[in-house]
């Protein structure tokens, strides 16, 4: 879009944790157009739980009802595994979830707790045992891998680091520089404590190309 002329303004964020999310291709969210901004903005404050369902022989199991329940809000979402046994639940708010897999002829499998953070894709692989749905198998120590089907690269700065790390001028956006490939902009170094002191660049891109959101909502001064 060219030189935007104005430094982006950013509002203070809560102590619950901060996360910077970058598409893998250029490692920064470009402000290309409203068409591109809105899909990114809608997803940036949420996460995804995805995975596969198999039986004990290793065969895929379609038609399995997968439900997730937020342990704090008690909000529930559900979907059904497809012909390949794959399922995906998008746009889930960050939090602790209980994930259930249910299908007639198989024992109900419950995975809990499952922690989901901003921008994360959590991958769960269920193996169902033959039995009744009233028989419940609970899994609490299954290793959960971050899925690779999403092209973005993201990193979480948790509440402990927000609270405990020393910040120059109490500016939480300095924490962005903890991430790989993120460095303070030269303007930020020159004007330490000034209006541009919170600027940073990612993989050599212009600092005016950054987009900021709070709880998934647009929080960037477009100048």
C-alpha atoms as a PDB file:
ATOM      1  CA  UNK A   1       0.000   0.000   0.000  1.00  0.00           C
ATOM      2  CA  UNK A   2       3.059   2.237   0.016  1.00  0.00           C
ATOM      3  CA  UNK A   3       4.210   4.581   2.732  1.00  0.00           C
ATOM      4  CA  UNK A   4       1.335   4.895   5.181  1.00  0.00           C
ATOM      5  CA  UNK A   5       2.850   7.986   6.786  1.00  0.00           C
ATOM      6  CA  UNK A   6       1.600   7.470  10.336  1.00  0.00           C
ATOM      7  CA  UNK A   7       2.959   5.270  13.113  1.00  0.00           C
ATOM      8  CA  UNK A   8       0.424   2.686  14.250  1.00  0.00           C
ATOM      9  CA  UNK A   9      -1.010   3.318  17.703  1.00  0.00           C
ATOM     10  CA  UNK A  10      -1.433   0.373  20.012  1.00  0.00           C
ATOM     11  CA  UNK A  11      -3.463   0.135  23.175  1.00  0.00           C
ATOM     12  CA  UNK A  12      -2.319  -1.663  26.355  1.00  0.00           C
ATOM     13  CA  UNK A  13      -3.259  -5.336  26.492  1.00  0.00           C
ATOM     14  CA  UNK A  14      -4.301  -7.519  29.393  1.00  0.00           C
ATOM     15  CA  UNK A  15      -2.005  -9.683  31.526  1.00  0.00           C
ATOM     16  CA  UNK A  16      -3.523 -12.909  30.212  1.00  0.00           C
ATOM     17  CA  UNK A  17      -0.823 -13.357  27.578  1.00  0.00           C
ATOM     18  CA  UNK A  18       0.178 -11.841  24.241  1.00  0.00           C
ATOM     19  CA  UNK A  19       0.648 -13.526  20.928  1.00  0.00           C
ATOM     20  CA  UNK A  20       2.162 -12.413  17.640  1.00  0.00           C
ATOM     21  CA  UNK A  21       1.007 -14.321  14.555  1.00  0.00           C
ATOM     22  CA  UNK A  22       2.839 -14.237  11.224  1.00  0.00           C
ATOM     23  CA  UNK A  23       2.026 -15.968   7.911  1.00  0.00           C
ATOM     24  CA  UNK A  24       4.877 -18.325   7.019  1.00  0.00           C
ATOM     25  CA  UNK A  25       5.629 -16.701   3.670  1.00  0.00           C
ATOM     26  CA  UNK A  26       6.693 -13.249   4.919  1.00  0.00           C
ATOM     27  CA  UNK A  27       6.297 -13.598   8.678  1.00  0.00           C
ATOM     28  CA  UNK A  28       4.157 -10.504   9.095  1.00  0.00           C
ATOM     29  CA  UNK A  29       0.484  -9.786   8.497  1.00  0.00           C
ATOM     30  CA  UNK A  30       0.349  -7.336   5.567  1.00  0.00           C
ATOM     31  CA  UNK A  31      -2.254  -4.616   5.426  1.00  0.00           C
ATOM     32  CA  UNK A  32      -3.009  -5.297   1.779  1.00  0.00           C
ATOM     33  CA  UNK A  33      -6.723  -4.607   1.633  1.00  0.00           C
ATOM     34  CA  UNK A  34      -9.881  -4.921   3.666  1.00  0.00           C
ATOM     35  CA  UNK A  35     -10.597  -8.179   1.829  1.00  0.00           C
ATOM     36  CA  UNK A  36      -7.404  -9.725   3.163  1.00  0.00           C
ATOM     37  CA  UNK A  37      -7.520  -8.126   6.585  1.00  0.00           C
ATOM     38  CA  UNK A  38     -10.917  -9.378   7.708  1.00  0.00           C
ATOM     39  CA  UNK A  39     -10.345 -13.167   7.391  1.00  0.00           C
ATOM     40  CA  UNK A  40      -7.051 -12.846   9.294  1.00  0.00           C
ATOM     41  CA  UNK A  41      -8.630 -10.610  11.885  1.00  0.00           C
ATOM     42  CA  UNK A  42     -11.501 -13.042  12.465  1.00  0.00           C
ATOM     43  CA  UNK A  43      -9.120 -15.912  13.210  1.00  0.00           C
ATOM     44  CA  UNK A  44      -6.342 -14.126  15.075  1.00  0.00           C
ATOM     45  CA  UNK A  45      -8.029 -14.236  18.487  1.00  0.00           C
ATOM     46  CA  UNK A  46      -9.001 -17.894  18.291  1.00  0.00           C
ATOM     47  CA  UNK A  47      -7.547 -21.371  17.892  1.00  0.00           C
ATOM     48  CA  UNK A  48      -8.402 -24.704  16.270  1.00  0.00           C
ATOM     49  CA  UNK A  49      -8.761 -28.278  17.497  1.00  0.00           C
ATOM     50  CA  UNK A  50      -8.362 -30.876  14.754  1.00  0.00           C
ATOM     51  CA  UNK A  51      -7.423 -34.523  14.415  1.00  0.00           C
ATOM     52  CA  UNK A  52      -8.370 -38.021  13.279  1.00  0.00           C
ATOM     53  CA  UNK A  53     -10.403 -40.909  14.654  1.00  0.00           C
ATOM     54  CA  UNK A  54      -9.342 -44.547  14.236  1.00  0.00           C
ATOM     55  CA  UNK A  55     -10.438 -47.904  15.563  1.00  0.00           C
ATOM     56  CA  UNK A  56      -8.157 -50.392  17.299  1.00  0.00           C
ATOM     57  CA  UNK A  57      -7.105 -51.913  13.962  1.00  0.00           C
ATOM     58  CA  UNK A  58      -5.911 -48.561  12.654  1.00  0.00           C
ATOM     59  CA  UNK A  59      -8.839 -48.055  10.304  1.00  0.00           C
ATOM     60  CA  UNK A  60     -10.402 -44.603  10.023  1.00  0.00           C
ATOM     61  CA  UNK A  61     -13.807 -44.097  11.621  1.00  0.00           C
ATOM     62  CA  UNK A  62     -16.256 -41.682   9.937  1.00  0.00           C
ATOM     63  CA  UNK A  63     -19.398 -40.274  11.504  1.00  0.00           C
ATOM     64  CA  UNK A  64     -17.943 -39.852  14.996  1.00  0.00           C
ATOM     65  CA  UNK A  65     -19.437 -36.957  16.937  1.00  0.00           C
ATOM     66  CA  UNK A  66     -16.632 -34.776  18.273  1.00  0.00           C
ATOM     67  CA  UNK A  67     -17.695 -32.251  20.895  1.00  0.00           C
ATOM     68  CA  UNK A  68     -15.654 -29.705  22.806  1.00  0.00           C
ATOM     69  CA  UNK A  69     -16.642 -27.951  26.016  1.00  0.00           C
ATOM     70  CA  UNK A  70     -14.888 -24.933  27.464  1.00  0.00           C
ATOM     71  CA  UNK A  71     -14.173 -25.749  31.115  1.00  0.00           C
ATOM     72  CA  UNK A  72     -14.686 -22.127  32.225  1.00  0.00           C
ATOM     73  CA  UNK A  73     -17.583 -20.865  30.113  1.00  0.00           C
ATOM     74  CA  UNK A  74     -19.222 -24.294  29.561  1.00  0.00           C
ATOM     75  CA  UNK A  75     -19.788 -23.308  25.916  1.00  0.00           C
ATOM     76  CA  UNK A  76     -19.995 -26.379  23.663  1.00  0.00           C
ATOM     77  CA  UNK A  77     -19.245 -26.931  19.979  1.00  0.00           C
ATOM     78  CA  UNK A  78     -19.451 -30.127  17.955  1.00  0.00           C
ATOM     79  CA  UNK A  79     -18.711 -31.607  14.542  1.00  0.00           C
ATOM     80  CA  UNK A  80     -18.614 -35.037  12.873  1.00  0.00           C
ATOM     81  CA  UNK A  81     -15.577 -36.848  11.484  1.00  0.00           C
ATOM     82  CA  UNK A  82     -15.584 -37.187   7.688  1.00  0.00           C
ATOM     83  CA  UNK A  83     -15.046 -40.290   5.531  1.00  0.00           C
ATOM     84  CA  UNK A  84     -11.316 -40.124   6.272  1.00  0.00           C
ATOM     85  CA  UNK A  85     -11.918 -39.924  10.015  1.00  0.00           C
ATOM     86  CA  UNK A  86     -10.774 -36.309  10.060  1.00  0.00           C
ATOM     87  CA  UNK A  87     -12.410 -33.539  12.087  1.00  0.00           C
ATOM     88  CA  UNK A  88     -11.763 -29.844  12.678  1.00  0.00           C
ATOM     89  CA  UNK A  89     -13.309 -27.235  14.980  1.00  0.00           C
ATOM     90  CA  UNK A  90     -12.385 -23.682  14.018  1.00  0.00           C
ATOM     91  CA  UNK A  91     -12.589 -20.301  15.773  1.00  0.00           C
ATOM     92  CA  UNK A  92     -12.473 -21.613  19.346  1.00  0.00           C
ATOM     93  CA  UNK A  93     -11.754 -19.092  22.080  1.00  0.00           C
ATOM     94  CA  UNK A  94      -8.504 -19.728  23.999  1.00  0.00           C
ATOM     95  CA  UNK A  95      -8.981 -21.767  27.156  1.00  0.00           C
ATOM     96  CA  UNK A  96      -9.118 -25.249  28.667  1.00  0.00           C
ATOM     97  CA  UNK A  97     -11.335 -27.747  26.847  1.00  0.00           C
ATOM     98  CA  UNK A  98     -12.797 -31.196  27.308  1.00  0.00           C
ATOM     99  CA  UNK A  99     -12.950 -33.063  23.988  1.00  0.00           C
ATOM    100  CA  UNK A 100     -15.278 -36.060  23.554  1.00  0.00           C
ATOM    101  CA  UNK A 101     -15.529 -38.629  20.737  1.00  0.00           C
ATOM    102  CA  UNK A 102     -18.796 -40.629  20.594  1.00  0.00           C
ATOM    103  CA  UNK A 103     -20.189 -43.224  18.174  1.00  0.00           C
ATOM    104  CA  UNK A 104     -22.615 -46.095  18.693  1.00  0.00           C
ATOM    105  CA  UNK A 105     -20.753 -49.386  19.077  1.00  0.00           C
ATOM    106  CA  UNK A 106     -17.694 -47.744  20.597  1.00  0.00           C
ATOM    107  CA  UNK A 107     -16.734 -46.579  24.065  1.00  0.00           C
ATOM    108  CA  UNK A 108     -16.887 -42.809  24.566  1.00  0.00           C
ATOM    109  CA  UNK A 109     -13.385 -41.331  24.595  1.00  0.00           C
ATOM    110  CA  UNK A 110     -12.733 -38.122  26.551  1.00  0.00           C
ATOM    111  CA  UNK A 111      -9.531 -36.110  26.323  1.00  0.00           C
ATOM    112  CA  UNK A 112      -9.164 -33.557  29.121  1.00  0.00           C
ATOM    113  CA  UNK A 113      -7.732 -31.068  29.826  1.00  0.00           C
ATOM    114  CA  UNK A 114      -6.795 -29.720  26.395  1.00  0.00           C
ATOM    115  CA  UNK A 115      -5.253 -26.245  26.531  1.00  0.00           C
ATOM    116  CA  UNK A 116      -5.760 -24.011  23.501  1.00  0.00           C
ATOM    117  CA  UNK A 117      -3.980 -20.684  23.027  1.00  0.00           C
ATOM    118  CA  UNK A 118      -4.367 -17.866  20.505  1.00  0.00           C
ATOM    119  CA  UNK A 119      -3.593 -18.850  16.914  1.00  0.00           C
ATOM    120  CA  UNK A 120      -2.803 -22.450  17.878  1.00  0.00           C
ATOM    121  CA  UNK A 121      -3.856 -25.613  16.026  1.00  0.00           C
ATOM    122  CA  UNK A 122      -4.025 -28.507  18.499  1.00  0.00           C
ATOM    123  CA  UNK A 123      -3.973 -31.964  16.915  1.00  0.00           C
ATOM    124  CA  UNK A 124      -5.701 -34.882  18.671  1.00  0.00           C
ATOM    125  CA  UNK A 125      -5.727 -38.481  17.476  1.00  0.00           C
ATOM    126  CA  UNK A 126      -8.479 -40.664  18.938  1.00  0.00           C
ATOM    127  CA  UNK A 127      -8.408 -44.477  18.986  1.00  0.00           C
ATOM    128  CA  UNK A 128     -11.857 -45.867  19.810  1.00  0.00           C
ATOM    129  CA  UNK A 129     -12.415 -49.203  21.529  1.00  0.00           C
ATOM    130  CA  UNK A 130     -15.413 -51.435  20.816  1.00  0.00           C
ATOM    131  CA  UNK A 131     -18.060 -51.138  23.543  1.00  0.00           C
ATOM    132  CA  UNK A 132     -21.059 -49.105  24.621  1.00  0.00           C
ATOM    133  CA  UNK A 133     -21.193 -45.308  24.553  1.00  0.00           C
ATOM    134  CA  UNK A 134     -22.041 -45.421  28.273  1.00  0.00           C
ATOM    135  CA  UNK A 135     -18.519 -46.777  28.861  1.00  0.00           C
ATOM    136  CA  UNK A 136     -16.202 -43.786  29.124  1.00  0.00           C
ATOM    137  CA  UNK A 137     -12.444 -43.857  28.626  1.00  0.00           C
ATOM    138  CA  UNK A 138     -10.665 -40.725  29.865  1.00  0.00           C
ATOM    139  CA  UNK A 139      -7.272 -39.711  28.503  1.00  0.00           C
ATOM    140  CA  UNK A 140      -5.335 -37.034  30.351  1.00  0.00           C
ATOM    141  CA  UNK A 141      -1.716 -37.718  29.391  1.00  0.00           C
ATOM    142  CA  UNK A 142      -1.937 -37.991  25.617  1.00  0.00           C
ATOM    143  CA  UNK A 143       0.783 -36.028  23.867  1.00  0.00           C
ATOM    144  CA  UNK A 144      -0.800 -33.216  21.898  1.00  0.00           C
ATOM    145  CA  UNK A 145       1.075 -31.966  18.858  1.00  0.00           C
ATOM    146  CA  UNK A 146       0.585 -28.605  17.216  1.00  0.00           C
ATOM    147  CA  UNK A 147      -0.923 -29.245  13.790  1.00  0.00           C
ATOM    148  CA  UNK A 148       1.034 -28.378  10.656  1.00  0.00           C
ATOM    149  CA  UNK A 149      -1.909 -27.816   8.310  1.00  0.00           C
ATOM    150  CA  UNK A 150      -1.963 -24.087   9.062  1.00  0.00           C
ATOM    151  CA  UNK A 151       0.555 -21.925   7.172  1.00  0.00           C
ATOM    152  CA  UNK A 152       0.971 -19.280   9.862  1.00  0.00           C
ATOM    153  CA  UNK A 153       3.819 -19.154  12.360  1.00  0.00           C
ATOM    154  CA  UNK A 154       2.789 -18.046  15.816  1.00  0.00           C
ATOM    155  CA  UNK A 155       4.312 -17.751  19.246  1.00  0.00           C
ATOM    156  CA  UNK A 156       2.819 -17.135  22.678  1.00  0.00           C
ATOM    157  CA  UNK A 157       4.202 -14.827  25.335  1.00  0.00           C
ATOM    158  CA  UNK A 158       2.481 -16.198  28.421  1.00  0.00           C
ATOM    159  CA  UNK A 159       1.295 -14.235  31.444  1.00  0.00           C
ATOM    160  CA  UNK A 160       4.381 -15.150  33.497  1.00  0.00           C
ATOM    161  CA  UNK A 161       6.745 -13.433  31.087  1.00  0.00           C
ATOM    162  CA  UNK A 162       4.382 -10.474  30.717  1.00  0.00           C
ATOM    163  CA  UNK A 163       4.393 -10.139  34.514  1.00  0.00           C
ATOM    164  CA  UNK A 164       8.005 -10.996  35.367  1.00  0.00           C
ATOM    165  CA  UNK A 165      10.236  -9.713  32.554  1.00  0.00           C
ATOM    166  CA  UNK A 166      11.582  -6.148  32.890  1.00  0.00           C
ATOM    167  CA  UNK A 167      10.082  -3.863  30.251  1.00  0.00           C
ATOM    168  CA  UNK A 168      11.643  -0.591  29.114  1.00  0.00           C
ATOM    169  CA  UNK A 169       8.990   2.027  29.846  1.00  0.00           C
ATOM    170  CA  UNK A 170       6.505  -0.728  30.814  1.00  0.00           C
ATOM    171  CA  UNK A 171       5.800  -1.228  27.111  1.00  0.00           C
ATOM    172  CA  UNK A 172       4.411  -4.743  26.584  1.00  0.00           C
ATOM    173  CA  UNK A 173       5.094  -4.598  22.837  1.00  0.00           C
ATOM    174  CA  UNK A 174       8.807  -4.917  23.575  1.00  0.00           C
ATOM    175  CA  UNK A 175       7.950  -8.573  24.284  1.00  0.00           C
ATOM    176  CA  UNK A 176       7.480  -9.095  20.549  1.00  0.00           C
ATOM    177  CA  UNK A 177      11.261  -9.025  20.200  1.00  0.00           C
ATOM    178  CA  UNK A 178      11.458 -12.286  22.161  1.00  0.00           C
ATOM    179  CA  UNK A 179      10.285 -14.035  19.002  1.00  0.00           C
ATOM    180  CA  UNK A 180      12.633 -15.336  16.337  1.00  0.00           C
ATOM    181  CA  UNK A 181      13.224 -12.866  13.507  1.00  0.00           C
ATOM    182  CA  UNK A 182      11.667  -9.901  15.346  1.00  0.00           C
ATOM    183  CA  UNK A 183      13.899  -6.892  16.122  1.00  0.00           C
ATOM    184  CA  UNK A 184      13.268  -3.287  17.193  1.00  0.00           C
ATOM    185  CA  UNK A 185      12.874  -0.887  14.293  1.00  0.00           C
ATOM    186  CA  UNK A 186      15.713   1.618  13.882  1.00  0.00           C
ATOM    187  CA  UNK A 187      13.181   4.381  14.602  1.00  0.00           C
ATOM    188  CA  UNK A 188      12.450   2.609  17.878  1.00  0.00           C
ATOM    189  CA  UNK A 189      16.125   2.508  18.848  1.00  0.00           C
ATOM    190  CA  UNK A 190      16.674   6.189  17.997  1.00  0.00           C
ATOM    191  CA  UNK A 191      13.534   7.433  19.739  1.00  0.00           C
ATOM    192  CA  UNK A 192      13.660   5.270  22.851  1.00  0.00           C
ATOM    193  CA  UNK A 193      10.700   6.304  24.952  1.00  0.00           C
ATOM    194  CA  UNK A 194       9.283   8.399  22.111  1.00  0.00           C
ATOM    195  CA  UNK A 195       6.181   7.878  19.942  1.00  0.00           C
ATOM    196  CA  UNK A 196       7.878   5.223  17.786  1.00  0.00           C
ATOM    197  CA  UNK A 197       9.744   3.409  20.569  1.00  0.00           C
ATOM    198  CA  UNK A 198       7.396   0.410  20.452  1.00  0.00           C
ATOM    199  CA  UNK A 199       8.006  -0.298  16.744  1.00  0.00           C
ATOM    200  CA  UNK A 200       9.480  -3.592  15.573  1.00  0.00           C
ATOM    201  CA  UNK A 201      10.147  -5.300  12.277  1.00  0.00           C
ATOM    202  CA  UNK A 202       9.765  -8.956  11.365  1.00  0.00           C
ATOM    203  CA  UNK A 203      12.037 -10.691   8.845  1.00  0.00           C
ATOM    204  CA  UNK A 204      13.076  -7.307   7.440  1.00  0.00           C
ATOM    205  CA  UNK A 205       9.574  -6.029   6.663  1.00  0.00           C
ATOM    206  CA  UNK A 206       8.503  -2.442   7.404  1.00  0.00           C
ATOM    207  CA  UNK A 207       7.150  -1.811  10.903  1.00  0.00           C
ATOM    208  CA  UNK A 208       4.172  -0.046   9.327  1.00  0.00           C
ATOM    209  CA  UNK A 209       3.130  -3.403   7.879  1.00  0.00           C
ATOM    210  CA  UNK A 210       2.254  -4.869  11.287  1.00  0.00           C
ATOM    211  CA  UNK A 211      -1.337  -5.474  12.289  1.00  0.00           C
ATOM    212  CA  UNK A 212      -2.425  -5.531  15.947  1.00  0.00           C
ATOM    213  CA  UNK A 213      -5.554  -7.065  17.428  1.00  0.00           C
ATOM    214  CA  UNK A 214      -7.017  -7.353  20.926  1.00  0.00           C
ATOM    215  CA  UNK A 215      -9.213 -10.409  21.547  1.00  0.00           C
ATOM    216  CA  UNK A 216      -9.438 -10.806  17.787  1.00  0.00           C
ATOM    217  CA  UNK A 217     -10.575  -7.222  17.207  1.00  0.00           C
ATOM    218  CA  UNK A 218      -8.745  -4.788  14.906  1.00  0.00           C
ATOM    219  CA  UNK A 219      -6.508  -2.505  17.003  1.00  0.00           C
ATOM    220  CA  UNK A 220      -4.334  -0.763  14.421  1.00  0.00           C
ATOM    221  CA  UNK A 221      -4.300   2.908  13.529  1.00  0.00           C
ATOM    222  CA  UNK A 222      -4.485   2.724   9.732  1.00  0.00           C
ATOM    223  CA  UNK A 223      -3.231   6.286   9.510  1.00  0.00           C
END
